[in-house]
Protein backbone atom coordinates (compact mmCIF):
# COMPACT_ATOMS: atom_id res chain seq x y z
CA UNK A 1 0.00 0.00 0.00
CA UNK A 2 2.78 2.40 0.84
CA UNK A 3 6.29 2.36 -0.55
CA UNK A 4 8.70 4.77 1.10
CA UNK A 5 12.04 5.99 -0.16
CA UNK A 6 15.18 6.34 1.85
CA UNK A 7 17.36 9.24 0.72
CA UNK A 8 20.85 9.65 2.02
CA UNK A 9 22.32 12.63 3.84
CA UNK A 10 25.96 13.64 3.58
CA UNK A 11 27.65 15.70 6.30
CA UNK A 12 31.31 16.58 6.02
CA UNK A 13 33.65 18.35 8.43
CA UNK A 14 33.25 21.77 6.84
CA UNK A 15 29.50 21.36 6.83
CA UNK A 16 28.62 20.93 10.48
CA UNK A 17 27.63 22.94 13.41
CA UNK A 18 27.54 25.52 16.09
CA UNK A 19 28.81 25.02 19.63
CA UNK A 20 28.49 21.37 20.53
CA UNK A 21 25.55 19.55 18.91
CA UNK A 22 23.91 19.45 15.49
CA UNK A 23 20.42 17.96 15.42
CA UNK A 24 19.47 16.75 11.96
CA UNK A 25 15.86 15.62 11.63
CA UNK A 26 14.60 14.15 8.37
CA UNK A 27 11.10 13.07 7.36
CA UNK A 28 10.88 10.94 4.26
CA UNK A 29 7.87 9.34 2.62
CA UNK A 30 6.67 7.86 -0.65
CA UNK A 31 6.83 10.14 -3.68
CA UNK A 32 5.33 10.06 -7.13
CA UNK A 33 7.58 9.42 -10.10
CA UNK A 34 9.05 12.59 -11.52
CA UNK A 35 11.50 13.26 -14.31
CA UNK A 36 14.77 12.31 -12.60
CA UNK A 37 15.19 8.54 -12.49
CA UNK A 38 18.43 8.70 -10.53
CA UNK A 39 18.82 10.29 -7.11
CA UNK A 40 19.23 14.02 -7.27
CA UNK A 41 21.62 15.87 -5.01
CA UNK A 42 19.93 18.64 -3.08
CA UNK A 43 21.98 21.49 -1.67
CA UNK A 44 20.73 22.76 1.69
CA UNK A 45 22.49 25.66 3.38
CA UNK A 46 21.90 26.75 6.97
CA UNK A 47 23.36 30.08 8.06
CA UNK A 48 24.15 29.52 11.73
CA UNK A 49 24.89 33.20 12.39
CA UNK A 50 21.87 34.71 10.59
CA UNK A 51 18.68 34.94 12.61
CA UNK A 52 15.36 34.83 10.78
CA UNK A 53 13.31 35.89 13.80
CA UNK A 54 11.49 33.85 16.44
CA UNK A 55 10.22 30.35 15.66
CA UNK A 56 6.92 30.25 17.52
CA UNK A 57 5.64 26.78 18.54
CA UNK A 58 2.46 27.00 16.45
CA UNK A 59 2.11 23.21 16.34
CA UNK A 60 1.45 22.59 20.07
CA UNK A 61 -2.35 22.32 19.70
CA UNK A 62 -4.40 19.11 19.45
CA UNK A 63 -8.05 18.12 19.55
CA UNK A 64 -10.62 15.34 19.29
CA UNK A 65 -14.37 14.66 19.36
CA UNK A 66 -14.48 12.14 22.20
CA UNK A 67 -13.56 13.86 25.51
CA UNK A 68 -14.09 10.75 27.62
CA UNK A 69 -11.08 9.14 25.91
CA UNK A 70 -9.00 11.64 27.90
CA UNK A 71 -9.14 9.58 31.09
CA UNK A 72 -8.86 6.13 29.47
CA UNK A 73 -5.41 4.55 30.07
CA UNK A 74 -4.22 5.08 26.50
CA UNK A 75 -5.67 8.59 26.53
CA UNK A 76 -3.77 9.49 29.69
CA UNK A 77 -0.61 8.04 28.19
CA UNK A 78 -0.99 10.08 25.03
CA UNK A 79 -1.79 13.31 26.88
CA UNK A 80 1.45 12.88 28.84
CA UNK A 81 3.35 12.33 25.59
CA UNK A 82 1.83 15.47 24.09
CA UNK A 83 2.76 17.51 27.14
CA UNK A 84 6.33 16.23 26.85
CA UNK A 85 6.64 17.45 23.25
CA UNK A 86 7.44 21.03 24.11
CA UNK A 87 8.66 23.23 26.97
CA UNK A 88 5.88 25.65 25.99
CA UNK A 89 2.25 24.81 26.82
CA UNK A 90 0.44 22.18 24.77
CA UNK A 91 -3.25 22.99 24.29
CA UNK A 92 -6.08 20.46 23.92
CA UNK A 93 -9.52 21.17 22.44
CA UNK A 94 -12.39 18.66 22.67
CA UNK A 95 -16.04 18.54 21.65
CA UNK A 96 -18.99 17.50 23.83
CA UNK A 97 -18.03 19.11 27.13
CA UNK A 98 -21.66 20.06 27.86
CA UNK A 99 -23.36 17.17 26.05
CA UNK A 100 -25.90 15.06 27.96
CA UNK A 101 -25.18 11.38 28.57
CA UNK A 102 -23.61 8.82 30.88
CA UNK A 103 -19.98 9.42 29.90
CA UNK A 104 -19.73 6.43 27.57
CA UNK A 105 -17.85 7.01 24.33
CA UNK A 106 -18.28 6.04 20.72
CA UNK A 107 -17.03 7.46 17.44
CA UNK A 108 -17.74 11.20 17.29
CA UNK A 109 -19.51 11.07 20.65
CA UNK A 110 -18.83 11.95 24.26
CA UNK A 111 -20.78 13.37 27.17
CA UNK A 112 -20.54 14.83 30.67
CA UNK A 113 -24.17 15.26 31.79
CA UNK A 114 -23.31 18.55 33.46
CA UNK A 115 -26.86 19.90 33.07
CA UNK A 116 -30.26 18.42 33.80
CA UNK A 117 -33.45 19.89 35.26
CA UNK A 118 -35.65 18.79 38.13
CA UNK A 119 -39.41 18.30 37.92
CA UNK A 120 -39.94 22.02 38.40
CA UNK A 121 -37.60 22.90 35.53
CA UNK A 122 -34.83 24.17 37.78
CA UNK A 123 -31.19 23.54 36.76
CA UNK A 124 -29.25 20.67 38.31
CA UNK A 125 -25.47 20.80 37.75
CA UNK A 126 -23.18 17.78 37.98
CA UNK A 127 -19.41 18.05 37.45
CA UNK A 128 -18.31 14.45 38.15
CA UNK A 129 -17.61 13.34 34.58
CA UNK A 130 -16.35 16.77 33.53
CA UNK A 131 -13.82 16.72 36.37
CA UNK A 132 -12.39 13.41 35.13
CA UNK A 133 -11.68 15.03 31.77
CA UNK A 134 -10.10 18.21 33.11
CA UNK A 135 -8.22 16.31 35.82
CA UNK A 136 -6.65 14.23 33.04
CA UNK A 137 -5.61 17.41 31.20
CA UNK A 138 -4.21 18.87 34.41
CA UNK A 139 -2.35 15.73 35.45
CA UNK A 140 -0.65 15.56 32.06
CA UNK A 141 0.37 19.22 32.17
CA UNK A 142 -1.67 20.22 29.11
CA UNK A 143 -3.78 23.39 28.84
CA UNK A 144 -7.43 23.30 27.74
CA UNK A 145 -8.62 25.22 24.74
CA UNK A 146 -12.14 25.03 26.14
CA UNK A 147 -14.89 24.56 23.56
CA UNK A 148 -18.24 25.63 25.03
CA UNK A 149 -20.67 23.03 23.62
CA UNK A 150 -22.80 21.17 22.91
CA UNK A 151 -26.46 21.72 23.89
CA UNK A 152 -27.71 19.69 26.88
CA UNK A 153 -30.84 17.69 26.17
CA UNK A 154 -32.93 19.66 28.69
CA UNK A 155 -32.03 22.95 26.98
CA UNK A 156 -32.37 21.88 23.34
CA UNK A 157 -35.20 23.29 21.22
CA UNK A 158 -35.32 19.92 19.44
CA UNK A 159 -34.10 17.36 22.00
CA UNK A 160 -35.10 14.13 20.27
CA UNK A 161 -33.40 12.17 18.89
CA UNK A 162 -30.36 13.10 20.97
CA UNK A 163 -27.53 10.55 20.82
CA UNK A 164 -26.45 9.63 17.31
CA UNK A 165 -25.12 6.24 16.12
CA UNK A 166 -22.23 7.19 13.82
CA UNK A 167 -21.45 5.84 11.26
CA UNK A 168 -25.15 5.01 10.92
CA UNK A 169 -27.38 7.96 10.17
CA UNK A 170 -27.08 11.68 10.77
CA UNK A 171 -24.83 12.80 13.63
CA UNK A 172 -26.49 16.21 13.90
CA UNK A 173 -29.16 15.43 16.47
CA UNK A 174 -30.65 17.20 19.51
CA UNK A 175 -27.28 18.43 20.81
CA UNK A 176 -26.85 20.68 17.72
CA UNK A 177 -29.88 22.92 18.29
CA UNK A 178 -30.15 26.38 19.90
CA UNK A 179 -31.20 26.66 23.54
CA UNK A 180 -34.84 26.98 24.48
CA UNK A 181 -33.81 29.59 27.06
CA UNK A 182 -30.72 31.78 26.53
CA UNK A 183 -30.71 32.90 30.16
CA UNK A 184 -30.54 29.29 31.36
CA UNK A 185 -27.78 28.67 28.83
CA UNK A 186 -25.90 31.71 30.11
CA UNK A 187 -26.18 30.48 33.69
CA UNK A 188 -24.92 27.03 32.68
CA UNK A 189 -21.86 28.59 31.03
CA UNK A 190 -21.26 30.81 34.07
CA UNK A 191 -21.43 27.88 36.51
CA UNK A 192 -19.28 25.75 34.17
CA UNK A 193 -16.49 28.34 34.09
CA UNK A 194 -16.89 29.22 37.78
CA UNK A 195 -16.53 25.56 38.74
CA UNK A 196 -13.34 25.17 36.69
CA UNK A 197 -11.92 28.36 38.21
CA UNK A 198 -12.68 27.10 41.73
CA UNK A 199 -11.22 23.66 41.04
CA UNK A 200 -7.98 24.64 39.27
CA UNK A 201 -7.34 28.16 40.55
CA UNK A 202 -7.01 31.60 39.00
CA UNK A 203 -3.37 31.27 38.02
CA UNK A 204 -4.10 28.13 36.00
CA UNK A 205 -7.38 29.00 34.29
CA UNK A 206 -6.07 32.40 33.20
CA UNK A 207 -3.66 30.52 30.91
CA UNK A 208 -6.50 28.69 29.13
CA UNK A 209 -8.28 29.64 25.92
CA UNK A 210 -12.07 29.63 25.49
CA UNK A 211 -14.23 29.42 22.38
CA UNK A 212 -17.92 28.91 21.60
CA UNK A 213 -19.26 25.87 19.70
CA UNK A 214 -17.90 24.13 16.61
CA UNK A 215 -18.43 24.85 12.91
CA UNK A 216 -21.67 26.82 13.29
CA UNK A 217 -21.81 27.44 9.53
CA UNK A 218 -22.75 23.79 8.87
CA UNK A 219 -25.25 21.49 10.68
CA UNK A 220 -23.14 21.32 13.83
CA UNK A 221 -25.37 24.33 14.52
CA UNK A 222 -29.02 23.89 13.57
CA UNK A 223 -29.81 27.55 14.11
CA UNK A 224 -29.31 30.59 11.88
CA UNK A 225 -26.10 32.64 11.78
CA UNK A 226 -27.84 35.31 13.85
CA UNK A 227 -28.81 32.71 16.46
CA UNK A 228 -25.17 31.65 16.66
CA UNK A 229 -24.10 35.26 17.17
CA UNK A 230 -26.64 35.41 20.00
CA UNK A 231 -25.25 32.19 21.48
CA UNK A 232 -21.73 33.60 21.21
CA UNK A 233 -22.67 36.85 22.94
CA UNK A 234 -24.48 35.16 25.81
CA UNK A 235 -21.64 32.64 26.20
CA UNK A 236 -18.89 35.26 26.15
CA UNK A 237 -20.74 37.41 28.67
CA UNK A 238 -21.13 34.42 30.99
CA UNK A 239 -17.49 33.39 30.65
CA UNK A 240 -16.34 36.91 31.50
CA UNK A 241 -18.68 37.12 34.49
CA UNK A 242 -17.05 33.99 35.87
CA UNK A 243 -13.51 34.79 34.71
CA UNK A 244 -12.88 38.42 33.68
CA UNK A 245 -9.37 37.59 32.45
CA UNK A 246 -10.58 34.89 30.05
CA UNK A 247 -9.38 34.94 26.43
CA UNK A 248 -12.40 34.16 24.23
CA UNK A 249 -12.45 33.37 20.52
CA UNK A 250 -14.50 32.07 17.62
CA UNK A 251 -16.30 31.23 15.47
CA UNK A 252 -14.46 27.98 14.63
CA UNK A 253 -16.25 27.91 11.29
CA UNK A 254 -15.23 25.67 8.39
CA UNK A 255 -12.52 26.42 5.85
CA UNK A 256 -13.01 29.73 4.02
CA UNK A 257 -11.88 28.32 0.69
CA UNK A 258 -15.61 27.56 0.55
CA UNK A 259 -17.38 30.86 -0.29
CA UNK A 260 -20.25 30.16 2.14
CA UNK A 261 -17.77 29.56 4.98
CA UNK A 262 -15.88 32.71 4.01
CA UNK A 263 -19.09 34.75 4.14
CA UNK A 264 -19.98 33.31 7.57
CA UNK A 265 -16.57 34.32 8.92
CA UNK A 266 -17.01 37.85 7.54
CA UNK A 267 -20.49 38.13 9.07
CA UNK A 268 -19.19 36.99 12.45
CA UNK A 269 -16.31 39.48 12.42
CA UNK A 270 -18.72 42.23 11.35
CA UNK A 271 -21.06 41.33 14.21
CA UNK A 272 -18.26 41.40 16.78
CA UNK A 273 -17.00 44.75 15.49
CA UNK A 274 -20.11 46.76 14.68
CA UNK A 275 -23.39 45.17 15.69
CA UNK A 276 -25.51 45.16 18.81
CA UNK A 277 -24.48 42.61 21.42
CA UNK A 278 -27.39 40.28 22.15
CA UNK A 279 -26.36 39.82 25.80
CA UNK A 280 -25.63 43.37 26.98
CA UNK A 281 -27.14 45.64 24.32
CA UNK A 282 -23.86 47.42 23.60
CA UNK A 283 -22.10 47.64 20.25
CA UNK A 284 -19.54 44.92 19.64
CA UNK A 285 -18.58 41.60 21.19
CA UNK A 286 -15.44 40.44 22.96
CA UNK A 287 -13.10 38.62 20.57
CA UNK A 288 -9.57 37.83 21.74
CA UNK A 289 -8.69 35.41 18.94
CA UNK A 290 -10.22 34.34 15.64
CA UNK A 291 -10.58 30.68 14.72
CA UNK A 292 -11.57 28.65 11.66
CA UNK A 293 -10.95 25.15 10.27
CA UNK A 294 -8.95 24.61 7.04
CA UNK A 295 -9.05 21.09 5.63
CA UNK A 296 -7.40 19.38 2.68
CA UNK A 297 -9.00 17.05 0.13
CA UNK A 298 -7.22 13.71 -0.45
CA UNK A 299 -8.47 11.56 -3.33
CA UNK A 300 -8.18 7.83 -3.96
CA UNK A 301 -6.55 7.22 -7.35
CA UNK A 302 -7.39 3.52 -7.66
CA UNK A 303 -4.09 2.25 -6.28
CA UNK A 304 -2.86 5.07 -4.04
CA UNK A 305 -3.96 8.20 -2.26
CA UNK A 306 -3.21 11.64 -3.65
CA UNK A 307 -3.18 14.33 -0.98
CA UNK A 308 -4.98 17.63 -1.51
CA UNK A 309 -2.71 20.06 0.30
CA UNK A 310 -3.55 23.00 -1.97
CA UNK A 311 -7.13 23.13 -0.69
CA UNK A 312 -6.02 23.33 2.93
CA UNK A 313 -3.49 26.07 2.23
CA UNK A 314 -6.05 27.99 0.17
CA UNK A 315 -8.40 28.00 3.17
CA UNK A 316 -5.63 29.17 5.48
CA UNK A 317 -4.64 32.02 3.19
CA UNK A 318 -8.22 33.09 2.50
CA UNK A 319 -8.92 33.22 6.23
CA UNK A 320 -5.86 35.38 6.77
CA UNK A 321 -7.04 37.77 4.05
CA UNK A 322 -10.53 38.00 5.56
CA UNK A 323 -9.15 38.80 9.00
CA UNK A 324 -6.78 41.49 7.72
CA UNK A 325 -9.60 43.10 5.72
CA UNK A 326 -11.07 44.25 9.06
CA UNK A 327 -9.02 47.08 10.61
CA UNK A 328 -10.47 46.11 14.01
CA UNK A 329 -9.15 42.56 13.77
CA UNK A 330 -5.99 42.98 11.69
CA UNK A 331 -3.72 42.29 14.67
CA UNK A 332 -5.96 39.84 16.56
CA UNK A 333 -4.38 36.40 17.11
CA UNK A 334 -5.53 33.62 14.78
CA UNK A 335 -5.97 29.98 15.78
CA UNK A 336 -6.73 27.28 13.24
CA UNK A 337 -9.17 25.40 15.48
CA UNK A 338 -8.81 22.29 13.32
CA UNK A 339 -6.23 22.03 10.54
CA UNK A 340 -6.09 18.63 8.86
CA UNK A 341 -5.68 16.72 5.59
CA UNK A 342 -9.47 16.08 5.48
CA UNK A 343 -12.58 16.41 7.60
CA UNK A 344 -13.39 13.11 9.33
CA UNK A 345 -10.99 11.73 11.95
CA UNK A 346 -13.41 8.90 12.78
CA UNK A 347 -13.74 7.67 9.17
CA UNK A 348 -11.30 4.77 8.92
CA UNK A 349 -9.23 3.90 5.88
CA UNK A 350 -10.97 0.51 5.80
CA UNK A 351 -14.13 2.13 4.46
CA UNK A 352 -12.54 5.34 3.14
CA UNK A 353 -9.43 4.44 1.12
CA UNK A 354 -8.53 8.11 0.58
CA UNK A 355 -7.60 8.08 4.28
CA UNK A 356 -4.93 5.40 3.85
CA UNK A 357 -2.24 8.05 4.33
CA UNK A 358 -2.78 8.04 8.11
CA UNK A 359 -0.73 5.09 9.36
CA UNK A 360 2.65 5.75 7.77
CA UNK A 361 5.16 8.56 7.16
CA UNK A 362 2.97 10.40 4.64
CA UNK A 363 0.81 11.88 7.41
CA UNK A 364 3.98 12.98 9.20
CA UNK A 365 5.54 14.72 6.23
CA UNK A 366 2.23 16.25 5.07
CA UNK A 367 1.81 17.81 8.50
CA UNK A 368 5.34 19.18 8.34
CA UNK A 369 4.75 20.64 4.89
CA UNK A 370 1.55 22.38 6.01
CA UNK A 371 3.10 23.82 9.17
CA UNK A 372 6.05 25.15 7.19
CA UNK A 373 3.68 26.83 4.73
CA UNK A 374 1.65 28.34 7.59
CA UNK A 375 4.78 30.09 8.83
CA UNK A 376 5.29 31.56 5.36
CA UNK A 377 1.66 32.54 4.78
CA UNK A 378 1.40 34.20 8.18
CA UNK A 379 4.53 36.21 7.44
CA UNK A 380 3.34 37.14 3.94
CA UNK A 381 -0.09 38.28 5.14
CA UNK A 382 1.28 40.03 8.27
CA UNK A 383 -1.09 38.24 10.65
CA UNK A 384 -0.69 37.50 14.34
CA UNK A 385 -0.68 33.71 14.16
CA UNK A 386 -1.04 31.81 17.42
CA UNK A 387 -1.48 28.12 16.68
CA UNK A 388 -2.76 25.26 14.54
CA UNK A 389 -4.88 22.49 16.09
CA UNK A 390 -4.19 18.99 14.76
CA UNK A 391 -7.51 17.16 15.14
CA UNK A 392 -6.12 13.76 16.06
CA UNK A 393 -5.79 11.80 19.30
CA UNK A 394 -6.55 8.11 19.84
CA UNK A 395 -9.60 5.83 19.50
CA UNK A 396 -10.64 3.29 22.11
CA UNK A 397 -11.80 -0.27 21.34
CA UNK A 398 -10.64 -0.26 17.72
CA UNK A 399 -8.31 -2.65 15.85
CA UNK A 400 -4.67 -1.55 15.59
CA UNK A 401 -3.79 0.61 12.58
CA UNK A 402 -7.40 0.70 11.39
CA UNK A 403 -6.64 3.97 9.61
CA UNK A 404 -8.31 6.52 11.85
CA UNK A 405 -6.81 9.99 11.97
CA UNK A 406 -4.96 9.57 15.25
CA UNK A 407 -1.55 10.07 16.83
CA UNK A 408 -1.44 6.63 18.43
CA UNK A 409 -3.32 3.34 18.08
CA UNK A 410 -3.88 1.06 21.06
CA UNK A 411 -1.15 2.91 22.92
CA UNK A 412 1.35 2.60 20.04
CA UNK A 413 2.64 5.88 18.59
CA UNK A 414 2.26 6.49 14.87
CA UNK A 415 4.89 8.22 12.70
CA UNK A 416 2.95 11.49 12.74
CA UNK A 417 3.56 11.84 16.48
CA UNK A 418 7.29 11.63 15.76
CA UNK A 419 6.94 14.58 13.39
CA UNK A 420 5.75 16.62 16.36
CA UNK A 421 8.66 15.26 18.40
CA UNK A 422 10.96 16.62 15.69
CA UNK A 423 9.31 20.03 15.91
CA UNK A 424 9.84 19.83 19.65
CA UNK A 425 13.59 19.54 19.09
CA UNK A 426 13.73 22.88 17.30
CA UNK A 427 14.96 25.99 19.06
CA UNK A 428 13.02 29.20 19.55
CA UNK A 429 15.14 31.26 17.12
CA UNK A 430 14.81 30.55 13.42
CA UNK A 431 17.87 30.63 11.17
CA UNK A 432 18.08 31.57 7.53
CA UNK A 433 18.20 28.43 5.44
CA UNK A 434 17.62 27.46 1.81
CA UNK A 435 17.16 24.30 -0.26
CA UNK A 436 17.88 23.94 -3.97
CA UNK A 437 14.78 21.71 -4.29
CA UNK A 438 12.30 23.85 -2.34
CA UNK A 439 9.05 24.78 -4.05
CA UNK A 440 7.58 28.27 -3.82
CA UNK A 441 4.54 28.63 -1.58
CA UNK A 442 2.53 30.28 -4.36
CA UNK A 443 3.13 27.24 -6.59
CA UNK A 444 2.03 24.81 -3.86
CA UNK A 445 -1.09 26.92 -3.29
CA UNK A 446 -1.89 26.78 -6.99
CA UNK A 447 -1.27 23.13 -7.78
CA UNK A 448 -0.14 21.23 -4.71
CA UNK A 449 3.02 19.14 -4.86
CA UNK A 450 2.63 16.84 -7.85
CA UNK A 451 5.25 17.02 -10.59
CA UNK A 452 8.30 17.16 -8.35
CA UNK A 453 8.80 16.86 -4.61
CA UNK A 454 9.27 19.67 -2.15
CA UNK A 455 12.56 19.00 -0.38
CA UNK A 456 12.77 21.72 2.19
CA UNK A 457 14.20 22.82 5.51
CA UNK A 458 13.46 24.70 8.72
CA UNK A 459 16.55 25.57 10.76
CA UNK A 460 16.87 26.96 14.27
CA UNK A 461 19.29 27.38 17.13
CA UNK A 462 19.53 27.48 20.90
CA UNK A 463 22.62 28.08 23.01
CA UNK A 464 25.25 25.58 21.80
CA UNK A 465 23.02 23.81 19.30
CA UNK A 466 21.81 24.14 15.71
CA UNK A 467 18.82 22.17 14.45
CA UNK A 468 17.78 21.42 10.87
CA UNK A 469 14.43 19.80 10.06
CA UNK A 470 14.50 18.50 6.48
CA UNK A 471 11.63 16.80 4.65
CA UNK A 472 10.85 15.30 1.26
CA UNK A 473 7.18 15.60 0.31
CA UNK A 474 4.92 14.82 -2.62
CA UNK A 475 1.12 14.61 -2.74
CA UNK A 476 1.14 11.15 -4.34
CA UNK A 477 1.78 8.14 -2.12
CA UNK A 478 3.84 6.09 -4.59
CA UNK A 479 7.54 5.40 -5.01
CA UNK A 480 10.06 7.70 -6.62
CA UNK A 481 13.81 8.26 -6.61
CA UNK A 482 15.64 9.19 -3.45
CA UNK A 483 17.57 12.41 -2.90
CA UNK A 484 21.07 12.91 -1.58
CA UNK A 485 21.13 15.80 0.89
CA UNK A 486 24.30 17.90 0.93
CA UNK A 487 23.87 19.97 4.09
CA UNK A 488 26.16 22.94 4.63
CA UNK A 489 26.26 24.99 7.82
CA UNK A 490 28.12 28.28 7.57
CA UNK A 491 28.69 31.09 10.01
CA UNK A 492 29.99 28.80 12.72
CA UNK A 493 32.17 30.22 15.52
CA UNK A 494 35.81 30.39 14.46
CA UNK A 495 36.93 28.86 17.75
CA UNK A 496 34.84 25.73 17.22
CA UNK A 497 37.05 22.65 17.25
CA UNK A 498 34.56 19.78 17.23
CA UNK A 499 30.85 19.02 17.10
CA UNK A 500 28.49 16.10 17.66
CA UNK A 501 25.82 15.20 15.09
CA UNK A 502 22.51 13.57 16.05
CA UNK A 503 20.52 12.42 13.01
CA UNK A 504 16.87 11.48 13.60
CA UNK A 505 14.81 9.90 10.84
CA UNK A 506 11.19 9.05 9.98
CA UNK A 507 10.88 6.79 6.96
CA UNK A 508 9.95 3.23 5.96
CA UNK A 509 12.27 1.70 8.55
CA UNK A 510 12.76 4.35 11.23
CA UNK A 511 10.32 5.78 13.78
CA UNK A 512 7.59 3.75 12.10
CA UNK A 513 5.55 1.32 14.20
CA UNK A 514 3.18 0.72 11.28
CA UNK A 515 5.96 -0.78 9.17
CA UNK A 516 7.04 -2.94 12.10
CA UNK A 517 3.45 -4.11 12.64
CA UNK A 518 3.17 -5.13 8.98
CA UNK A 519 6.47 -7.01 9.30
CA UNK A 520 4.85 -8.97 12.15
CA UNK A 521 2.05 -10.00 9.80
CA UNK A 522 -0.42 -7.28 10.86
CA UNK A 523 -1.63 -9.08 14.01
CA UNK A 524 -5.02 -7.98 15.32
CA UNK A 525 -4.17 -9.20 18.82
CA UNK A 526 -0.73 -8.35 20.14
CA UNK A 527 1.36 -10.45 22.48
CA UNK A 528 3.18 -8.66 25.29
CA UNK A 529 6.45 -9.02 23.36
CA UNK A 530 4.92 -7.62 20.17
CA UNK A 531 3.41 -4.70 22.05
CA UNK A 532 6.75 -3.88 23.66
CA UNK A 533 8.49 -4.03 20.28
CA UNK A 534 5.92 -1.74 18.66
CA UNK A 535 6.20 0.69 21.56
CA UNK A 536 9.92 0.90 20.82
CA UNK A 537 9.41 1.26 17.06
CA UNK A 538 6.89 4.04 17.66
CA UNK A 539 9.49 6.34 19.23
CA UNK A 540 11.61 8.90 17.38
CA UNK A 541 14.73 7.04 16.33
CA UNK A 542 18.28 8.01 15.49
CA UNK A 543 19.60 6.95 12.11
CA UNK A 544 22.81 6.02 13.88
CA UNK A 545 24.41 6.68 17.24
CA UNK A 546 25.50 10.30 17.82
CA UNK A 547 29.05 10.86 16.65
CA UNK A 548 31.72 13.50 16.30
CA UNK A 549 31.52 15.47 13.08
CA UNK A 550 35.23 16.18 13.30
Foldseek 3Di string as FASTA:
>chain_A
DFDWDDFAEDAALQFDDFFFEEEEEEFTGFFDAFDDFAFAAKEKEFAPPFFPFWDACQALFAEAAALLCCLDPLNLVQLLLSCVLAPDAREYEYAALDEQDDQDDDFNDGYQNQWDADPVRHIDGDCVSVCSSVVSNVVSRHAYQYEPDWAYLSFFPFNPPPCDDPPPDDRLHRRQEFGPDLVVVLVSLLVVLLVVCVVPHLVRNLPYAYEYFAACLDSSHPDDLVSVQQSRLSNQVSNCVNPVSHAYADDQHEQVVPVSSLVSLLVSVCQQQANARNPPRDGHGHHQEYEYAFEADWDDPPPWIFFGLLRRVSSLLSVLVSQCVDPVRQAREYEHNERYSHDGLSPACVNVVNLLCQQASQRQQSVVVNVVLSVVSCVVSVYRYRHYYHHADEDPPDFAPRRGNHQAYPSFGGLNSQSSSLVNPADGIWTDMFMPQADDSVVCNVPNFANAWHWTWTWHDDDRYIYIYTYTDHRIRHHYYHYYYHRRYDPYDPPDDKYKYWYWYGILQALHLPNVCVVVVVDRDDDPVNVVVSNVRNHTDTPDDIDMSD
